[in-house]
Amino acid sequence: MKEQEICSQCKGLPLLIGENFCMKCGKRVPEGQEYCEDCQSKKTTFLCGRSVFSYNRDLRRSIARFKYHGRQEYASYYGRMMYKVHKEWIQKIQPDMLLPVPVHKKRLQQRGYNQAELIAKELGVHARIPVVTDWLCRQENTLPQKELSAQERFQNLQGAFAVKEAELYTNINCVIIIDDIYTTGSTIEACSQVMRKIGVQNIYFLCLCSGQAE
């Protein structure tokens, strides 16, 4: 979906993060502030990450249509905007691969697709970076994160992710994890911990949007 294909009602509604963002998680912060309140007090396995949009009512509706109502074509615009906004950052990192956050096979059967994978593949085309979808897997069908508190999110994802055939990727040193929404960071952190255990040292993430859990 090209930018001119966005309907008139949606033009201008997505709010770009802009230049004032947390240097750790990428959330929008007041001018002159280096880190958001969350990142000032917690340590993470991933090095840092970025997002394109602030998570507001309009993005929530758009992503809901994308994830739950079959609007797979949205991935074209989402992935292209990721590349447009963070092209220089991606090129600086020089990742070996993009890793979309996996969904459990039961949820995949229900939905028919993994929204993070669709975005990652579109970004991979523009950035010319391989997208690997058969390495990191979701072995537990966890509760939806949006219904949980920050602490419950963390506990919900313990043991949820694993890697398959790790010996095939022994030379991987840098990855970017791709997801649609960053809120507390529990999902990204859980994936990062699995990556670190098998020797990946430089772990970043890139999400479509970020904001506080609602």
N, C-alpha and C. Protein backbone atom coordinates (compact mmCIF):
# COMPACT_ATOMS: atom_id res chain seq x y z
N MET A 1 0.84 -1.19 0.00
CA MET A 1 0.00 0.00 0.00
C MET A 1 0.88 1.24 0.00
N LYS A 2 0.81 2.06 -1.05
CA LYS A 2 1.60 3.27 -1.12
C LYS A 2 0.95 4.36 -0.29
N GLU A 3 1.76 5.40 0.05
CA GLU A 3 1.25 6.45 0.91
C GLU A 3 0.01 7.11 0.32
N GLN A 4 -0.03 7.30 -1.04
CA GLN A 4 -1.18 7.95 -1.63
C GLN A 4 -2.42 7.07 -1.59
N GLU A 5 -2.25 5.80 -1.21
CA GLU A 5 -3.38 4.88 -1.13
C GLU A 5 -4.04 4.91 0.25
N ILE A 6 -3.49 5.66 1.18
CA ILE A 6 -4.12 5.80 2.48
C ILE A 6 -5.38 6.64 2.32
N CYS A 7 -6.48 6.21 2.90
CA CYS A 7 -7.73 6.94 2.72
C CYS A 7 -7.64 8.32 3.37
N SER A 8 -8.48 9.23 2.93
CA SER A 8 -8.43 10.61 3.41
C SER A 8 -8.69 10.71 4.91
N GLN A 9 -9.47 9.78 5.45
CA GLN A 9 -9.76 9.81 6.88
C GLN A 9 -8.54 9.48 7.72
N CYS A 10 -7.62 8.69 7.15
CA CYS A 10 -6.46 8.24 7.91
C CYS A 10 -5.22 9.11 7.69
N LYS A 11 -5.21 9.94 6.66
CA LYS A 11 -4.05 10.77 6.39
C LYS A 11 -3.77 11.69 7.58
N GLY A 12 -2.53 11.67 8.05
CA GLY A 12 -2.12 12.56 9.12
C GLY A 12 -2.44 12.06 10.52
N LEU A 13 -3.19 10.96 10.63
CA LEU A 13 -3.55 10.48 11.96
C LEU A 13 -2.40 9.81 12.70
N PRO A 14 -1.59 8.95 12.05
CA PRO A 14 -0.46 8.35 12.76
C PRO A 14 0.52 9.43 13.21
N LEU A 15 0.94 9.37 14.44
CA LEU A 15 1.84 10.36 15.01
C LEU A 15 3.26 9.79 15.08
N LEU A 16 4.16 10.34 14.29
CA LEU A 16 5.54 9.89 14.31
C LEU A 16 6.19 10.20 15.65
N ILE A 17 7.06 9.31 16.10
CA ILE A 17 7.78 9.53 17.36
C ILE A 17 8.55 10.84 17.30
N GLY A 18 9.21 11.09 16.19
CA GLY A 18 9.98 12.33 16.05
C GLY A 18 11.38 12.21 16.63
N GLU A 19 11.99 13.35 16.91
CA GLU A 19 13.38 13.39 17.33
C GLU A 19 13.57 13.22 18.83
N ASN A 20 12.53 13.39 19.60
CA ASN A 20 12.64 13.29 21.06
C ASN A 20 12.16 11.91 21.52
N PHE A 21 13.12 10.98 21.63
CA PHE A 21 12.74 9.62 22.01
C PHE A 21 13.75 9.06 23.01
N CYS A 22 13.28 8.09 23.78
CA CYS A 22 14.13 7.41 24.75
C CYS A 22 15.25 6.68 24.01
N MET A 23 16.49 6.88 24.45
CA MET A 23 17.63 6.29 23.77
C MET A 23 17.74 4.79 24.00
N LYS A 24 16.92 4.27 24.91
CA LYS A 24 16.91 2.83 25.17
C LYS A 24 15.77 2.13 24.43
N CYS A 25 14.54 2.56 24.67
CA CYS A 25 13.39 1.84 24.11
C CYS A 25 12.72 2.56 22.95
N GLY A 26 13.08 3.81 22.71
CA GLY A 26 12.53 4.52 21.56
C GLY A 26 11.21 5.21 21.78
N LYS A 27 10.64 5.16 22.99
CA LYS A 27 9.37 5.83 23.23
C LYS A 27 9.56 7.35 23.18
N ARG A 28 8.51 8.03 22.84
CA ARG A 28 8.52 9.48 22.81
C ARG A 28 8.73 10.02 24.22
N VAL A 29 9.63 10.99 24.37
CA VAL A 29 9.91 11.61 25.66
C VAL A 29 9.95 13.13 25.49
N PRO A 30 9.83 13.90 26.58
CA PRO A 30 9.92 15.36 26.48
C PRO A 30 11.29 15.79 25.96
N GLU A 31 11.34 16.91 25.32
CA GLU A 31 12.59 17.43 24.76
C GLU A 31 13.65 17.56 25.86
N GLY A 32 14.85 17.09 25.58
CA GLY A 32 15.95 17.17 26.53
C GLY A 32 16.07 15.99 27.46
N GLN A 33 15.07 15.09 27.47
CA GLN A 33 15.10 13.91 28.33
C GLN A 33 15.72 12.75 27.57
N GLU A 34 16.72 12.10 28.18
CA GLU A 34 17.45 11.05 27.48
C GLU A 34 16.76 9.70 27.55
N TYR A 35 16.18 9.37 28.71
CA TYR A 35 15.52 8.08 28.89
C TYR A 35 14.12 8.28 29.46
N CYS A 36 13.21 7.37 29.10
CA CYS A 36 11.88 7.39 29.71
C CYS A 36 11.99 6.90 31.15
N GLU A 37 10.95 7.05 31.92
CA GLU A 37 10.98 6.67 33.33
C GLU A 37 11.24 5.17 33.50
N ASP A 38 10.66 4.36 32.65
CA ASP A 38 10.86 2.91 32.75
C ASP A 38 12.32 2.54 32.57
N CYS A 39 12.96 3.12 31.56
CA CYS A 39 14.33 2.73 31.21
C CYS A 39 15.38 3.32 32.15
N GLN A 40 15.00 4.28 32.95
CA GLN A 40 15.93 4.85 33.91
C GLN A 40 16.23 3.89 35.05
N SER A 41 15.34 2.91 35.24
CA SER A 41 15.47 2.05 36.41
C SER A 41 15.56 0.55 36.11
N LYS A 42 15.57 0.16 34.82
CA LYS A 42 15.62 -1.28 34.56
C LYS A 42 16.71 -1.62 33.55
N LYS A 43 17.24 -2.84 33.71
CA LYS A 43 18.25 -3.34 32.80
C LYS A 43 17.59 -4.29 31.80
N THR A 44 18.13 -4.33 30.60
CA THR A 44 17.58 -5.19 29.57
C THR A 44 18.68 -5.99 28.88
N THR A 45 18.29 -7.10 28.30
CA THR A 45 19.22 -7.92 27.53
C THR A 45 19.49 -7.29 26.17
N PHE A 46 18.47 -6.69 25.58
CA PHE A 46 18.66 -6.01 24.30
C PHE A 46 19.39 -4.68 24.53
N LEU A 47 20.08 -4.23 23.51
CA LEU A 47 20.86 -2.99 23.63
C LEU A 47 19.97 -1.76 23.55
N CYS A 48 19.15 -1.68 22.53
CA CYS A 48 18.20 -0.57 22.42
C CYS A 48 17.26 -0.86 21.25
N GLY A 49 16.26 -0.01 21.08
CA GLY A 49 15.32 -0.21 19.99
C GLY A 49 14.68 1.10 19.56
N ARG A 50 13.92 1.02 18.50
CA ARG A 50 13.26 2.19 17.94
C ARG A 50 11.84 1.82 17.52
N SER A 51 11.00 2.84 17.41
CA SER A 51 9.65 2.68 16.88
C SER A 51 9.39 3.81 15.90
N VAL A 52 8.35 3.65 15.11
CA VAL A 52 8.02 4.66 14.12
C VAL A 52 6.96 5.62 14.63
N PHE A 53 5.88 5.08 15.18
CA PHE A 53 4.75 5.89 15.62
C PHE A 53 4.52 5.79 17.12
N SER A 54 3.88 6.83 17.67
CA SER A 54 3.36 6.74 19.02
C SER A 54 2.05 5.97 18.97
N TYR A 55 1.83 5.13 19.98
CA TYR A 55 0.64 4.29 20.00
C TYR A 55 -0.54 5.11 20.52
N ASN A 56 -1.42 5.51 19.62
CA ASN A 56 -2.59 6.27 20.01
C ASN A 56 -3.86 5.57 19.53
N ARG A 57 -4.98 6.22 19.66
CA ARG A 57 -6.26 5.60 19.30
C ARG A 57 -6.30 5.21 17.83
N ASP A 58 -5.76 6.06 16.98
CA ASP A 58 -5.80 5.79 15.54
C ASP A 58 -4.93 4.59 15.17
N LEU A 59 -3.73 4.51 15.77
CA LEU A 59 -2.87 3.35 15.50
C LEU A 59 -3.48 2.08 16.07
N ARG A 60 -4.13 2.18 17.21
CA ARG A 60 -4.76 1.00 17.81
C ARG A 60 -5.82 0.44 16.87
N ARG A 61 -6.61 1.30 16.26
CA ARG A 61 -7.64 0.85 15.32
C ARG A 61 -7.01 0.24 14.07
N SER A 62 -5.96 0.89 13.57
CA SER A 62 -5.29 0.40 12.37
C SER A 62 -4.68 -0.97 12.60
N ILE A 63 -3.97 -1.13 13.72
CA ILE A 63 -3.32 -2.40 14.00
C ILE A 63 -4.35 -3.49 14.29
N ALA A 64 -5.47 -3.13 14.90
CA ALA A 64 -6.53 -4.11 15.14
C ALA A 64 -7.07 -4.65 13.82
N ARG A 65 -7.24 -3.79 12.84
CA ARG A 65 -7.69 -4.25 11.52
C ARG A 65 -6.63 -5.13 10.88
N PHE A 66 -5.38 -4.76 11.05
CA PHE A 66 -4.26 -5.51 10.48
C PHE A 66 -4.14 -6.90 11.10
N LYS A 67 -4.25 -6.99 12.42
CA LYS A 67 -4.03 -8.25 13.13
C LYS A 67 -5.26 -9.16 13.14
N TYR A 68 -6.44 -8.58 13.31
CA TYR A 68 -7.61 -9.41 13.58
C TYR A 68 -8.66 -9.41 12.48
N HIS A 69 -8.50 -8.56 11.48
CA HIS A 69 -9.54 -8.47 10.45
C HIS A 69 -8.98 -8.64 9.04
N GLY A 70 -7.85 -9.33 8.94
CA GLY A 70 -7.36 -9.76 7.65
C GLY A 70 -6.74 -8.72 6.75
N ARG A 71 -6.47 -7.52 7.27
CA ARG A 71 -5.92 -6.47 6.40
C ARG A 71 -4.40 -6.62 6.27
N GLN A 72 -3.99 -7.71 5.65
CA GLN A 72 -2.57 -8.00 5.50
C GLN A 72 -1.85 -6.98 4.63
N GLU A 73 -2.58 -6.31 3.76
CA GLU A 73 -1.95 -5.33 2.87
C GLU A 73 -1.36 -4.14 3.63
N TYR A 74 -1.78 -3.95 4.88
CA TYR A 74 -1.23 -2.85 5.68
C TYR A 74 0.27 -3.03 5.89
N ALA A 75 0.75 -4.27 5.85
CA ALA A 75 2.16 -4.55 6.11
C ALA A 75 3.07 -3.81 5.14
N SER A 76 2.61 -3.59 3.92
CA SER A 76 3.43 -2.89 2.92
C SER A 76 3.75 -1.48 3.39
N TYR A 77 2.75 -0.76 3.85
CA TYR A 77 2.96 0.60 4.34
C TYR A 77 3.77 0.60 5.63
N TYR A 78 3.42 -0.30 6.55
CA TYR A 78 4.12 -0.35 7.83
C TYR A 78 5.62 -0.61 7.63
N GLY A 79 5.95 -1.62 6.84
CA GLY A 79 7.35 -1.96 6.62
C GLY A 79 8.11 -0.86 5.92
N ARG A 80 7.45 -0.22 4.95
CA ARG A 80 8.10 0.85 4.22
C ARG A 80 8.36 2.05 5.12
N MET A 81 7.43 2.35 6.02
CA MET A 81 7.63 3.46 6.95
C MET A 81 8.75 3.16 7.95
N MET A 82 8.86 1.91 8.38
CA MET A 82 9.97 1.52 9.24
C MET A 82 11.30 1.84 8.57
N TYR A 83 11.39 1.46 7.31
CA TYR A 83 12.64 1.70 6.59
C TYR A 83 12.87 3.19 6.35
N LYS A 84 11.85 3.90 5.96
CA LYS A 84 11.97 5.33 5.68
C LYS A 84 12.44 6.11 6.90
N VAL A 85 11.87 5.80 8.05
CA VAL A 85 12.18 6.56 9.27
C VAL A 85 13.50 6.13 9.88
N HIS A 86 13.84 4.85 9.82
CA HIS A 86 15.02 4.34 10.54
C HIS A 86 16.07 3.72 9.63
N LYS A 87 16.11 4.13 8.40
CA LYS A 87 17.07 3.62 7.44
C LYS A 87 18.51 3.79 7.93
N GLU A 88 18.87 4.97 8.37
CA GLU A 88 20.25 5.24 8.79
C GLU A 88 20.61 4.42 10.03
N TRP A 89 19.67 4.29 10.95
CA TRP A 89 19.91 3.51 12.18
C TRP A 89 20.15 2.05 11.83
N ILE A 90 19.35 1.51 10.94
CA ILE A 90 19.50 0.11 10.52
C ILE A 90 20.85 -0.10 9.83
N GLN A 91 21.21 0.81 8.96
CA GLN A 91 22.48 0.69 8.25
C GLN A 91 23.67 0.79 9.20
N LYS A 92 23.53 1.59 10.23
CA LYS A 92 24.60 1.71 11.22
C LYS A 92 24.79 0.42 12.00
N ILE A 93 23.69 -0.22 12.36
CA ILE A 93 23.74 -1.46 13.13
C ILE A 93 24.28 -2.62 12.29
N GLN A 94 23.91 -2.68 11.01
CA GLN A 94 24.30 -3.75 10.10
C GLN A 94 23.97 -5.14 10.68
N PRO A 95 22.69 -5.41 10.88
CA PRO A 95 22.28 -6.70 11.45
C PRO A 95 22.50 -7.86 10.49
N ASP A 96 22.74 -9.02 11.03
CA ASP A 96 22.85 -10.23 10.22
C ASP A 96 21.49 -10.68 9.71
N MET A 97 20.45 -10.38 10.47
CA MET A 97 19.10 -10.82 10.10
C MET A 97 18.06 -10.03 10.85
N LEU A 98 16.83 -10.10 10.36
CA LEU A 98 15.65 -9.59 11.06
C LEU A 98 14.89 -10.79 11.61
N LEU A 99 14.46 -10.70 12.87
CA LEU A 99 13.73 -11.79 13.52
C LEU A 99 12.36 -11.31 13.97
N PRO A 100 11.30 -11.66 13.25
CA PRO A 100 9.96 -11.28 13.71
C PRO A 100 9.57 -12.07 14.96
N VAL A 101 8.92 -11.41 15.89
CA VAL A 101 8.43 -12.10 17.08
C VAL A 101 7.43 -13.17 16.64
N PRO A 102 7.65 -14.42 17.00
CA PRO A 102 6.75 -15.50 16.53
C PRO A 102 5.45 -15.56 17.32
N VAL A 103 4.44 -16.11 16.69
CA VAL A 103 3.18 -16.39 17.38
C VAL A 103 3.06 -17.91 17.52
N HIS A 104 2.28 -18.35 18.48
CA HIS A 104 2.09 -19.77 18.69
C HIS A 104 1.31 -20.36 17.52
N LYS A 105 1.55 -21.64 17.24
CA LYS A 105 0.93 -22.29 16.09
C LYS A 105 -0.61 -22.26 16.16
N LYS A 106 -1.18 -22.31 17.36
CA LYS A 106 -2.63 -22.26 17.47
C LYS A 106 -3.16 -20.89 17.07
N ARG A 107 -2.46 -19.84 17.50
CA ARG A 107 -2.88 -18.49 17.14
C ARG A 107 -2.65 -18.24 15.65
N LEU A 108 -1.60 -18.84 15.12
CA LEU A 108 -1.31 -18.70 13.70
C LEU A 108 -2.42 -19.35 12.87
N GLN A 109 -2.90 -20.50 13.32
CA GLN A 109 -3.99 -21.18 12.62
C GLN A 109 -5.27 -20.34 12.66
N GLN A 110 -5.53 -19.71 13.79
CA GLN A 110 -6.73 -18.90 13.94
C GLN A 110 -6.68 -17.64 13.07
N ARG A 111 -5.52 -16.96 13.08
CA ARG A 111 -5.37 -15.69 12.39
C ARG A 111 -5.01 -15.87 10.93
N GLY A 112 -4.22 -16.93 10.65
CA GLY A 112 -3.81 -17.18 9.29
C GLY A 112 -2.47 -16.58 8.91
N TYR A 113 -1.92 -15.74 9.74
CA TYR A 113 -0.64 -15.11 9.47
C TYR A 113 -0.07 -14.49 10.75
N ASN A 114 1.23 -14.23 10.72
CA ASN A 114 1.91 -13.56 11.81
C ASN A 114 2.17 -12.12 11.39
N GLN A 115 1.55 -11.17 12.06
CA GLN A 115 1.65 -9.77 11.64
C GLN A 115 3.09 -9.26 11.69
N ALA A 116 3.86 -9.69 12.68
CA ALA A 116 5.26 -9.25 12.78
C ALA A 116 6.08 -9.78 11.62
N GLU A 117 5.77 -10.99 11.18
CA GLU A 117 6.48 -11.58 10.05
C GLU A 117 6.20 -10.81 8.76
N LEU A 118 4.94 -10.41 8.56
CA LEU A 118 4.60 -9.66 7.36
C LEU A 118 5.34 -8.33 7.31
N ILE A 119 5.41 -7.65 8.45
CA ILE A 119 6.12 -6.37 8.51
C ILE A 119 7.61 -6.59 8.26
N ALA A 120 8.17 -7.60 8.91
CA ALA A 120 9.61 -7.88 8.78
C ALA A 120 9.98 -8.18 7.34
N LYS A 121 9.15 -8.94 6.66
CA LYS A 121 9.45 -9.29 5.27
C LYS A 121 9.42 -8.05 4.37
N GLU A 122 8.48 -7.16 4.62
CA GLU A 122 8.43 -5.93 3.84
C GLU A 122 9.65 -5.06 4.13
N LEU A 123 10.02 -4.94 5.38
CA LEU A 123 11.21 -4.18 5.75
C LEU A 123 12.46 -4.81 5.15
N GLY A 124 12.52 -6.14 5.19
CA GLY A 124 13.68 -6.85 4.66
C GLY A 124 13.91 -6.59 3.19
N VAL A 125 12.82 -6.43 2.43
CA VAL A 125 12.94 -6.13 1.00
C VAL A 125 13.60 -4.79 0.80
N HIS A 126 13.15 -3.78 1.53
CA HIS A 126 13.70 -2.43 1.38
C HIS A 126 15.13 -2.34 1.91
N ALA A 127 15.39 -2.98 3.05
CA ALA A 127 16.71 -2.88 3.67
C ALA A 127 17.70 -3.91 3.14
N ARG A 128 17.20 -4.87 2.36
CA ARG A 128 18.03 -5.94 1.82
C ARG A 128 18.73 -6.73 2.93
N ILE A 129 17.93 -7.10 3.91
CA ILE A 129 18.40 -7.88 5.05
C ILE A 129 17.57 -9.16 5.12
N PRO A 130 18.19 -10.33 5.29
CA PRO A 130 17.41 -11.57 5.36
C PRO A 130 16.48 -11.61 6.58
N VAL A 131 15.32 -12.17 6.37
CA VAL A 131 14.33 -12.36 7.44
C VAL A 131 14.26 -13.85 7.74
N VAL A 132 14.52 -14.21 9.00
CA VAL A 132 14.52 -15.62 9.40
C VAL A 132 13.29 -15.89 10.26
N THR A 133 12.45 -16.81 9.82
CA THR A 133 11.19 -17.07 10.51
C THR A 133 11.11 -18.46 11.13
N ASP A 134 12.14 -19.29 10.91
CA ASP A 134 12.08 -20.66 11.41
C ASP A 134 13.11 -20.94 12.50
N TRP A 135 13.62 -19.91 13.12
CA TRP A 135 14.65 -20.08 14.15
C TRP A 135 14.06 -19.84 15.55
N LEU A 136 13.59 -18.64 15.78
CA LEU A 136 12.94 -18.32 17.04
C LEU A 136 11.49 -18.77 16.97
N CYS A 137 11.06 -19.54 17.98
CA CYS A 137 9.69 -20.05 17.96
C CYS A 137 9.00 -19.79 19.29
N ARG A 138 7.68 -19.83 19.24
CA ARG A 138 6.87 -19.64 20.45
C ARG A 138 6.34 -21.00 20.86
N GLN A 139 6.82 -21.51 21.98
CA GLN A 139 6.45 -22.85 22.40
C GLN A 139 5.31 -22.88 23.42
N GLU A 140 4.93 -21.71 23.93
CA GLU A 140 3.81 -21.64 24.87
C GLU A 140 2.75 -20.69 24.32
N ASN A 141 1.49 -21.12 24.36
CA ASN A 141 0.39 -20.28 23.90
C ASN A 141 -0.06 -19.41 25.07
N THR A 142 0.63 -18.29 25.25
CA THR A 142 0.42 -17.44 26.41
C THR A 142 -0.84 -16.60 26.29
N LEU A 143 -1.23 -15.99 27.41
CA LEU A 143 -2.37 -15.08 27.42
C LEU A 143 -2.02 -13.82 26.63
N PRO A 144 -3.02 -13.15 26.05
CA PRO A 144 -2.75 -11.89 25.35
C PRO A 144 -2.13 -10.86 26.30
N GLN A 145 -1.05 -10.24 25.89
CA GLN A 145 -0.32 -9.30 26.75
C GLN A 145 -1.14 -8.07 27.10
N LYS A 146 -2.01 -7.64 26.20
CA LYS A 146 -2.73 -6.39 26.42
C LYS A 146 -3.66 -6.44 27.62
N GLU A 147 -3.97 -7.65 28.09
CA GLU A 147 -4.88 -7.79 29.22
C GLU A 147 -4.15 -7.83 30.56
N LEU A 148 -2.82 -7.74 30.56
CA LEU A 148 -2.02 -7.95 31.76
C LEU A 148 -1.26 -6.70 32.20
N SER A 149 -0.91 -6.68 33.49
CA SER A 149 -0.07 -5.61 34.02
C SER A 149 1.37 -5.85 33.60
N ALA A 150 2.25 -4.89 33.89
CA ALA A 150 3.66 -5.02 33.50
C ALA A 150 4.29 -6.27 34.12
N GLN A 151 4.05 -6.50 35.40
CA GLN A 151 4.62 -7.66 36.07
C GLN A 151 4.02 -8.95 35.54
N GLU A 152 2.71 -8.95 35.28
CA GLU A 152 2.05 -10.13 34.74
C GLU A 152 2.54 -10.44 33.33
N ARG A 153 2.84 -9.40 32.56
CA ARG A 153 3.38 -9.60 31.21
C ARG A 153 4.71 -10.34 31.28
N PHE A 154 5.57 -9.91 32.18
CA PHE A 154 6.88 -10.53 32.33
C PHE A 154 6.73 -12.01 32.71
N GLN A 155 5.88 -12.30 33.70
CA GLN A 155 5.68 -13.67 34.16
C GLN A 155 5.01 -14.52 33.09
N ASN A 156 4.11 -13.92 32.33
CA ASN A 156 3.37 -14.63 31.29
C ASN A 156 4.29 -15.19 30.21
N LEU A 157 5.42 -14.52 29.98
CA LEU A 157 6.30 -14.90 28.88
C LEU A 157 7.49 -15.75 29.29
N GLN A 158 7.59 -16.08 30.56
CA GLN A 158 8.69 -16.92 31.00
C GLN A 158 8.60 -18.30 30.35
N GLY A 159 9.63 -18.65 29.60
CA GLY A 159 9.64 -19.94 28.92
C GLY A 159 8.80 -20.01 27.67
N ALA A 160 8.28 -18.86 27.22
CA ALA A 160 7.40 -18.87 26.05
C ALA A 160 8.14 -19.06 24.75
N PHE A 161 9.42 -18.62 24.70
CA PHE A 161 10.16 -18.65 23.44
C PHE A 161 11.33 -19.63 23.52
N ALA A 162 11.70 -20.16 22.36
CA ALA A 162 12.83 -21.08 22.26
C ALA A 162 13.42 -20.96 20.86
N VAL A 163 14.59 -21.56 20.66
CA VAL A 163 15.20 -21.57 19.34
C VAL A 163 15.27 -23.01 18.82
N LYS A 164 15.18 -23.13 17.50
CA LYS A 164 15.29 -24.43 16.84
C LYS A 164 16.59 -24.48 16.06
N GLU A 165 17.28 -25.59 16.17
CA GLU A 165 18.51 -25.81 15.41
C GLU A 165 19.48 -24.65 15.56
N ALA A 166 19.81 -24.33 16.81
CA ALA A 166 20.71 -23.21 17.08
C ALA A 166 22.08 -23.40 16.44
N GLU A 167 22.48 -24.64 16.23
CA GLU A 167 23.80 -24.91 15.66
C GLU A 167 23.93 -24.41 14.23
N LEU A 168 22.81 -24.12 13.57
CA LEU A 168 22.85 -23.63 12.20
C LEU A 168 23.17 -22.15 12.12
N TYR A 169 23.14 -21.46 13.27
CA TYR A 169 23.32 -20.01 13.28
C TYR A 169 24.42 -19.59 14.24
N THR A 170 25.50 -20.34 14.26
CA THR A 170 26.57 -20.07 15.22
C THR A 170 27.35 -18.80 14.92
N ASN A 171 27.26 -18.28 13.70
CA ASN A 171 28.01 -17.09 13.33
C ASN A 171 27.20 -15.80 13.43
N ILE A 172 26.00 -15.89 13.97
CA ILE A 172 25.14 -14.71 14.07
C ILE A 172 25.54 -13.90 15.29
N ASN A 173 25.85 -12.63 15.07
CA ASN A 173 26.29 -11.77 16.16
C ASN A 173 25.34 -10.60 16.41
N CYS A 174 24.55 -10.23 15.42
CA CYS A 174 23.70 -9.04 15.55
C CYS A 174 22.35 -9.29 14.89
N VAL A 175 21.26 -9.05 15.62
CA VAL A 175 19.91 -9.22 15.09
C VAL A 175 19.05 -8.02 15.47
N ILE A 176 18.02 -7.79 14.68
CA ILE A 176 16.96 -6.84 15.04
C ILE A 176 15.66 -7.62 15.15
N ILE A 177 15.05 -7.59 16.32
CA ILE A 177 13.77 -8.24 16.55
C ILE A 177 12.67 -7.29 16.08
N ILE A 178 11.72 -7.81 15.32
CA ILE A 178 10.65 -6.99 14.75
C ILE A 178 9.31 -7.35 15.39
N ASP A 179 8.57 -6.31 15.79
CA ASP A 179 7.23 -6.53 16.34
C ASP A 179 6.35 -5.33 15.99
N ASP A 180 5.06 -5.46 16.27
CA ASP A 180 4.15 -4.37 15.92
C ASP A 180 4.08 -3.30 17.02
N ILE A 181 3.97 -3.71 18.28
CA ILE A 181 3.78 -2.75 19.37
C ILE A 181 4.78 -3.00 20.49
N TYR A 182 5.37 -1.92 21.00
CA TYR A 182 6.23 -1.98 22.19
C TYR A 182 5.52 -1.21 23.30
N THR A 183 5.27 -1.89 24.42
CA THR A 183 4.66 -1.22 25.57
C THR A 183 5.60 -1.31 26.77
N THR A 184 5.59 -2.42 27.46
CA THR A 184 6.50 -2.58 28.61
C THR A 184 7.83 -3.20 28.22
N GLY A 185 7.90 -3.79 27.04
CA GLY A 185 9.14 -4.43 26.59
C GLY A 185 9.29 -5.88 27.00
N SER A 186 8.27 -6.46 27.62
CA SER A 186 8.37 -7.83 28.11
C SER A 186 8.58 -8.84 26.97
N THR A 187 7.89 -8.65 25.87
CA THR A 187 8.02 -9.59 24.74
C THR A 187 9.41 -9.50 24.13
N ILE A 188 9.89 -8.29 23.89
CA ILE A 188 11.22 -8.10 23.31
C ILE A 188 12.28 -8.65 24.25
N GLU A 189 12.14 -8.42 25.53
CA GLU A 189 13.12 -8.91 26.49
C GLU A 189 13.14 -10.43 26.55
N ALA A 190 11.96 -11.06 26.51
CA ALA A 190 11.90 -12.52 26.54
C ALA A 190 12.59 -13.12 25.32
N CYS A 191 12.37 -12.53 24.16
CA CYS A 191 13.04 -13.00 22.94
C CYS A 191 14.54 -12.77 23.04
N SER A 192 14.92 -11.62 23.57
CA SER A 192 16.35 -11.27 23.68
C SER A 192 17.09 -12.22 24.60
N GLN A 193 16.46 -12.63 25.69
CA GLN A 193 17.10 -13.55 26.62
C GLN A 193 17.40 -14.89 25.95
N VAL A 194 16.48 -15.34 25.11
CA VAL A 194 16.70 -16.59 24.38
C VAL A 194 17.86 -16.43 23.40
N MET A 195 17.92 -15.30 22.73
CA MET A 195 19.00 -15.04 21.78
C MET A 195 20.36 -14.97 22.48
N ARG A 196 20.38 -14.32 23.63
CA ARG A 196 21.64 -14.17 24.37
C ARG A 196 22.16 -15.53 24.85
N LYS A 197 21.26 -16.42 25.24
CA LYS A 197 21.67 -17.73 25.74
C LYS A 197 22.40 -18.56 24.69
N ILE A 198 22.11 -18.32 23.43
CA ILE A 198 22.78 -19.09 22.38
C ILE A 198 23.93 -18.31 21.76
N GLY A 199 24.28 -17.17 22.38
CA GLY A 199 25.50 -16.49 21.98
C GLY A 199 25.37 -15.24 21.14
N VAL A 200 24.15 -14.80 20.83
CA VAL A 200 23.99 -13.55 20.08
C VAL A 200 24.28 -12.38 21.02
N GLN A 201 25.23 -11.55 20.67
CA GLN A 201 25.69 -10.50 21.57
C GLN A 201 24.99 -9.16 21.37
N ASN A 202 24.70 -8.81 20.14
CA ASN A 202 24.14 -7.50 19.84
C ASN A 202 22.69 -7.64 19.39
N ILE A 203 21.78 -7.31 20.28
CA ILE A 203 20.36 -7.52 20.06
C ILE A 203 19.64 -6.17 20.11
N TYR A 204 18.92 -5.86 19.04
CA TYR A 204 18.16 -4.63 18.93
C TYR A 204 16.72 -4.98 18.60
N PHE A 205 15.85 -3.98 18.64
CA PHE A 205 14.48 -4.22 18.18
C PHE A 205 13.98 -3.02 17.40
N LEU A 206 13.00 -3.28 16.57
CA LEU A 206 12.33 -2.23 15.81
C LEU A 206 10.85 -2.57 15.78
N CYS A 207 10.02 -1.64 16.25
CA CYS A 207 8.58 -1.85 16.30
C CYS A 207 7.86 -0.77 15.50
N LEU A 208 6.67 -1.09 15.10
CA LEU A 208 5.86 -0.13 14.37
C LEU A 208 5.50 1.05 15.26
N CYS A 209 5.09 0.78 16.49
CA CYS A 209 4.70 1.88 17.38
C CYS A 209 5.01 1.52 18.82
N SER A 210 5.07 2.53 19.64
CA SER A 210 5.35 2.31 21.06
C SER A 210 4.52 3.29 21.90
N GLY A 211 4.27 2.89 23.12
CA GLY A 211 3.50 3.73 24.03
C GLY A 211 3.18 2.97 25.28
N GLN A 212 2.45 3.59 26.17
CA GLN A 212 2.09 2.95 27.42
C GLN A 212 0.98 1.94 27.19
N ALA A 213 0.99 0.88 28.01
CA ALA A 213 -0.08 -0.11 27.93
C ALA A 213 -1.40 0.54 28.31
N GLU A 214 -2.45 0.14 27.66
CA GLU A 214 -3.78 0.74 27.94
C GLU A 214 -4.72 -0.31 28.48
